[in-house]
Amino acid sequence: MESMFGAVREQVQTIRERDPAARGWIEIVLCYPGFHAVLFHRLAHRLHVMGIPVLPRFISQVSRFLTQIEIHPGATIGRRFFIDHGAGVVVGETAEIGDDVLIYQGVTLGGTGKEKGKRHPTLGNHVVVGTGAKVLGNITIGDHVKIGAGSVVIRPVPDHSTVVGVPGRIVRTRGAMVEDELEHGKLPDPEGQALEELSRRVEQLEQLIRDFTEQNVSARQRQ
């Protein structure tokens, strides 16, 4: 019983520390679907490990109905796991999540087919998964990884990396890290940078063409 209250207290403290919108423990307990979903999962997972049929899945479906967050009872989740907002989050049966992981709404930790066995991703410690990101298949996401909003990750990611895009590409490894983990929009934008560089090159070429044309016109006028 003490360990249950300790887990609840730790979960509340995690949300208070990581969500600036949290006003107090009463608000968290009553109004945070991510908090409710994690507690439901702790119960369902314990029953699942005990081998009790049907009931764990029923609990997970009740949780899904109440919170719009679906976590399979078979998923393994570490300590201080925080789902911010949470609507549309799906965590598959064989997913493994480390400690101090933060995920946002619309995230899927899913599979890529109908294969048996381990078919969902493994997330290390201190991972941040941005809004709407999809992490698919039996891949390992290392510690201190940041996955940008809307990314689709289908390949393993090493520790201390930042991944963005579709499909996800590693754009930073052991570089300057984003200080505020809640501001997951502060990520490199390789497509945007490429477009800006292309735009600059086009402007330069246009200027060269104008200069060349003006020189030819001036030369002809002098003749």
Protein backbone atom coordinates (compact mmCIF):
# COMPACT_ATOMS: atom_id res chain seq x y z
CA MET A 1 0.00 0.00 0.00
CA GLU A 2 2.84 2.37 0.87
CA SER A 3 4.52 1.73 -2.47
CA MET A 4 1.23 2.55 -4.25
CA PHE A 5 0.91 5.88 -2.44
CA GLY A 6 4.59 6.53 -3.10
CA ALA A 7 4.07 5.97 -6.84
CA VAL A 8 1.09 8.32 -6.87
CA ARG A 9 3.03 10.97 -4.95
CA GLU A 10 5.99 10.65 -7.32
CA GLN A 11 3.71 10.96 -10.35
CA VAL A 12 2.10 14.11 -8.97
CA GLN A 13 5.50 15.61 -8.20
CA THR A 14 6.72 14.80 -11.71
CA ILE A 15 3.82 16.68 -13.28
CA ARG A 16 4.27 19.67 -10.97
CA GLU A 17 7.94 19.89 -11.92
CA ARG A 18 7.52 19.42 -15.68
CA ASP A 19 4.28 21.23 -16.49
CA PRO A 20 4.22 24.99 -15.80
CA ALA A 21 0.41 24.93 -16.11
CA ALA A 22 0.00 22.66 -13.07
CA ARG A 23 -1.42 24.73 -10.19
CA GLY A 24 -1.48 22.14 -7.43
CA TRP A 25 -1.89 18.49 -6.57
CA ILE A 26 -5.70 18.66 -6.43
CA GLU A 27 -5.87 19.96 -10.00
CA ILE A 28 -3.45 17.26 -11.15
CA VAL A 29 -5.37 14.44 -9.47
CA LEU A 30 -8.73 15.61 -10.81
CA CYS A 31 -7.94 17.09 -14.21
CA TYR A 32 -4.88 15.45 -15.78
CA PRO A 33 -5.73 12.56 -18.16
CA GLY A 34 -2.05 11.62 -18.45
CA PHE A 35 -1.93 11.13 -14.69
CA HIS A 36 -5.05 8.95 -14.77
CA ALA A 37 -3.81 6.90 -17.73
CA VAL A 38 -0.51 6.09 -16.04
CA LEU A 39 -2.24 4.98 -12.83
CA PHE A 40 -4.69 2.81 -14.77
CA HIS A 41 -1.75 1.27 -16.61
CA ARG A 42 0.17 0.52 -13.42
CA LEU A 43 -2.80 -1.51 -12.21
CA ALA A 44 -3.48 -3.20 -15.54
CA HIS A 45 0.19 -4.07 -16.04
CA ARG A 46 0.45 -5.64 -12.60
CA LEU A 47 -2.56 -7.84 -13.35
CA HIS A 48 -1.13 -8.66 -16.78
CA VAL A 49 2.16 -9.81 -15.26
CA MET A 50 0.20 -11.99 -12.82
CA GLY A 51 -1.36 -13.74 -15.82
CA ILE A 52 -4.92 -12.67 -15.14
CA PRO A 53 -6.91 -12.84 -18.42
CA VAL A 54 -9.25 -10.21 -19.91
CA LEU A 55 -9.35 -7.90 -16.86
CA PRO A 56 -6.10 -6.02 -17.72
CA ARG A 57 -7.35 -5.31 -21.23
CA PHE A 58 -10.74 -4.25 -19.87
CA ILE A 59 -9.02 -1.78 -17.51
CA SER A 60 -6.94 -0.40 -20.37
CA GLN A 61 -10.08 0.09 -22.46
CA VAL A 62 -11.82 1.89 -19.59
CA SER A 63 -8.75 4.10 -19.35
CA ARG A 64 -8.88 4.73 -23.08
CA PHE A 65 -12.56 5.72 -22.88
CA LEU A 66 -11.92 8.13 -20.02
CA THR A 67 -8.58 9.64 -21.09
CA GLN A 68 -8.27 9.11 -24.90
CA ILE A 69 -4.94 7.45 -24.13
CA GLU A 70 -4.42 3.79 -25.00
CA ILE A 71 -1.61 1.91 -23.26
CA HIS A 72 -1.55 -1.84 -23.67
CA PRO A 73 -1.24 -3.67 -20.33
CA GLY A 74 1.82 -5.49 -21.65
CA ALA A 75 3.83 -2.28 -22.15
CA THR A 76 6.62 -1.68 -19.66
CA ILE A 77 6.88 1.88 -18.31
CA GLY A 78 9.58 3.30 -16.07
CA ARG A 79 9.36 5.87 -13.32
CA ARG A 80 8.29 9.51 -13.64
CA PHE A 81 6.63 8.95 -17.01
CA PHE A 82 4.68 12.07 -18.08
CA ILE A 83 2.10 12.30 -20.86
CA ASP A 84 1.41 15.99 -21.50
CA HIS A 85 -2.23 16.59 -22.59
CA GLY A 86 -2.33 13.05 -23.94
CA ALA A 87 -5.26 12.79 -26.38
CA GLY A 88 -4.53 10.26 -29.12
CA VAL A 89 -1.49 8.65 -27.48
CA VAL A 90 -1.07 4.94 -28.29
CA VAL A 91 1.52 2.66 -26.66
CA GLY A 92 1.80 -0.89 -28.02
CA GLU A 93 2.00 -4.19 -26.17
CA THR A 94 5.76 -4.78 -26.32
CA ALA A 95 6.83 -1.16 -25.97
CA GLU A 96 9.38 -0.42 -23.27
CA ILE A 97 9.76 3.06 -21.81
CA GLY A 98 12.59 4.13 -19.52
CA ASP A 99 12.63 6.61 -16.65
CA ASP A 100 11.89 10.35 -16.93
CA VAL A 101 10.30 10.08 -20.38
CA LEU A 102 8.01 12.84 -21.67
CA ILE A 103 5.59 12.40 -24.57
CA TYR A 104 3.02 14.77 -26.01
CA GLN A 105 -0.43 14.29 -27.52
CA GLY A 106 -0.90 12.20 -30.63
CA VAL A 107 2.26 10.12 -30.14
CA THR A 108 2.25 6.49 -31.29
CA LEU A 109 4.70 3.86 -30.11
CA GLY A 110 3.56 1.20 -32.53
CA GLY A 111 4.46 -1.74 -34.71
CA THR A 112 5.03 -2.02 -38.45
CA GLY A 113 3.15 -5.22 -39.26
CA LYS A 114 1.70 -8.43 -37.87
CA GLU A 115 4.99 -9.96 -36.71
CA LYS A 116 5.08 -11.80 -33.41
CA GLY A 117 7.31 -11.17 -30.40
CA LYS A 118 9.00 -7.81 -29.74
CA ARG A 119 7.48 -5.50 -32.33
CA HIS A 120 7.27 -2.12 -30.60
CA PRO A 121 9.99 0.41 -29.77
CA THR A 122 12.19 0.65 -26.71
CA LEU A 123 12.75 4.17 -25.35
CA GLY A 124 15.69 4.92 -23.09
CA ASN A 125 15.80 7.36 -20.18
CA HIS A 126 15.13 11.12 -20.49
CA VAL A 127 13.53 10.86 -23.93
CA VAL A 128 11.17 13.55 -25.26
CA VAL A 129 8.73 12.67 -28.05
CA GLY A 130 7.03 15.66 -29.67
CA THR A 131 3.40 16.11 -30.66
CA GLY A 132 2.12 13.67 -33.29
CA ALA A 133 5.41 11.80 -33.64
CA LYS A 134 5.34 8.11 -34.58
CA VAL A 135 8.00 5.68 -33.39
CA LEU A 136 7.44 2.37 -35.15
CA GLY A 137 8.84 -1.12 -34.99
CA ASN A 138 11.29 -3.00 -32.80
CA ILE A 139 13.85 -0.21 -32.61
CA THR A 140 15.81 1.29 -29.74
CA ILE A 141 15.74 5.01 -28.97
CA GLY A 142 18.74 5.90 -26.81
CA ASP A 143 18.97 8.00 -23.66
CA HIS A 144 18.50 11.79 -23.82
CA VAL A 145 16.96 11.68 -27.31
CA LYS A 146 14.59 14.36 -28.57
CA ILE A 147 12.11 13.49 -31.35
CA GLY A 148 10.55 16.44 -33.13
CA ALA A 149 6.82 16.99 -33.55
CA GLY A 150 5.33 15.08 -36.48
CA SER A 151 8.41 12.94 -37.07
CA VAL A 152 8.18 9.30 -38.13
CA VAL A 153 11.04 7.27 -36.67
CA ILE A 154 11.63 3.78 -38.07
CA ARG A 155 15.36 3.32 -37.37
CA PRO A 156 17.35 3.12 -34.12
CA VAL A 157 18.58 6.40 -32.64
CA PRO A 158 21.79 6.68 -30.57
CA ASP A 159 22.07 8.48 -27.23
CA HIS A 160 22.03 12.29 -27.08
CA SER A 161 20.51 12.75 -30.55
CA THR A 162 17.80 14.91 -32.06
CA VAL A 163 15.56 13.45 -34.77
CA VAL A 164 13.19 15.32 -37.10
CA GLY A 165 11.35 14.70 -40.34
CA VAL A 166 9.55 11.98 -42.29
CA PRO A 167 11.24 9.57 -42.21
CA GLY A 168 13.10 10.70 -39.11
CA ARG A 169 16.67 11.86 -39.64
CA ILE A 170 19.29 12.49 -37.00
CA VAL A 171 20.17 16.19 -37.19
CA ARG A 172 22.11 16.53 -33.96
CA THR A 173 24.25 14.14 -31.91
CA ARG A 174 25.87 15.20 -28.66
CA GLY A 175 25.50 18.80 -29.77
CA ALA A 176 24.07 21.78 -27.94
CA MET A 177 20.91 20.47 -26.34
CA VAL A 178 17.65 22.38 -26.12
CA GLU A 179 17.52 23.61 -22.53
CA ASP A 180 13.78 23.55 -21.92
CA GLU A 181 12.47 20.09 -22.73
CA LEU A 182 8.88 21.33 -22.86
CA GLU A 183 9.73 23.62 -25.79
CA HIS A 184 10.08 20.74 -28.22
CA GLY A 185 9.40 23.09 -31.14
CA LYS A 186 12.94 24.47 -30.79
CA LEU A 187 14.45 21.89 -33.09
CA PRO A 188 16.55 22.04 -36.27
CA ASP A 189 14.55 22.28 -39.51
CA PRO A 190 16.70 20.78 -42.28
CA GLU A 191 14.01 21.21 -44.95
CA GLY A 192 13.53 24.85 -44.04
CA GLN A 193 17.27 25.47 -43.97
CA ALA A 194 17.66 23.82 -47.39
CA LEU A 195 14.88 25.97 -48.84
CA GLU A 196 16.42 29.14 -47.39
CA GLU A 197 19.80 28.22 -48.88
CA LEU A 198 18.19 27.48 -52.26
CA SER A 199 16.35 30.80 -52.15
CA ARG A 200 19.62 32.64 -51.46
CA ARG A 201 21.32 30.87 -54.36
CA VAL A 202 18.47 31.77 -56.73
CA GLU A 203 18.72 35.42 -55.69
CA GLN A 204 22.46 35.38 -56.30
CA LEU A 205 22.00 33.84 -59.76
CA GLU A 206 19.32 36.36 -60.64
CA GLN A 207 21.62 39.18 -59.60
CA LEU A 208 24.46 37.75 -61.70
CA ILE A 209 22.13 37.55 -64.72
CA ARG A 210 21.01 41.17 -64.21
CA ASP A 211 24.61 42.37 -63.89
CA PHE A 212 25.65 40.42 -66.99
CA THR A 213 22.70 41.80 -68.98
CA GLU A 214 23.42 45.38 -67.91
CA GLN A 215 27.09 45.00 -68.87
CA ASN A 216 26.14 43.71 -72.33
CA VAL A 217 23.67 46.56 -72.87
CA SER A 218 26.27 49.13 -71.79
CA ALA A 219 28.90 47.60 -74.09
CA ARG A 220 26.56 47.71 -77.08
CA GLN A 221 25.61 51.33 -76.35
CA ARG A 222 29.29 52.33 -76.29
CA GLN A 223 29.80 50.70 -79.67
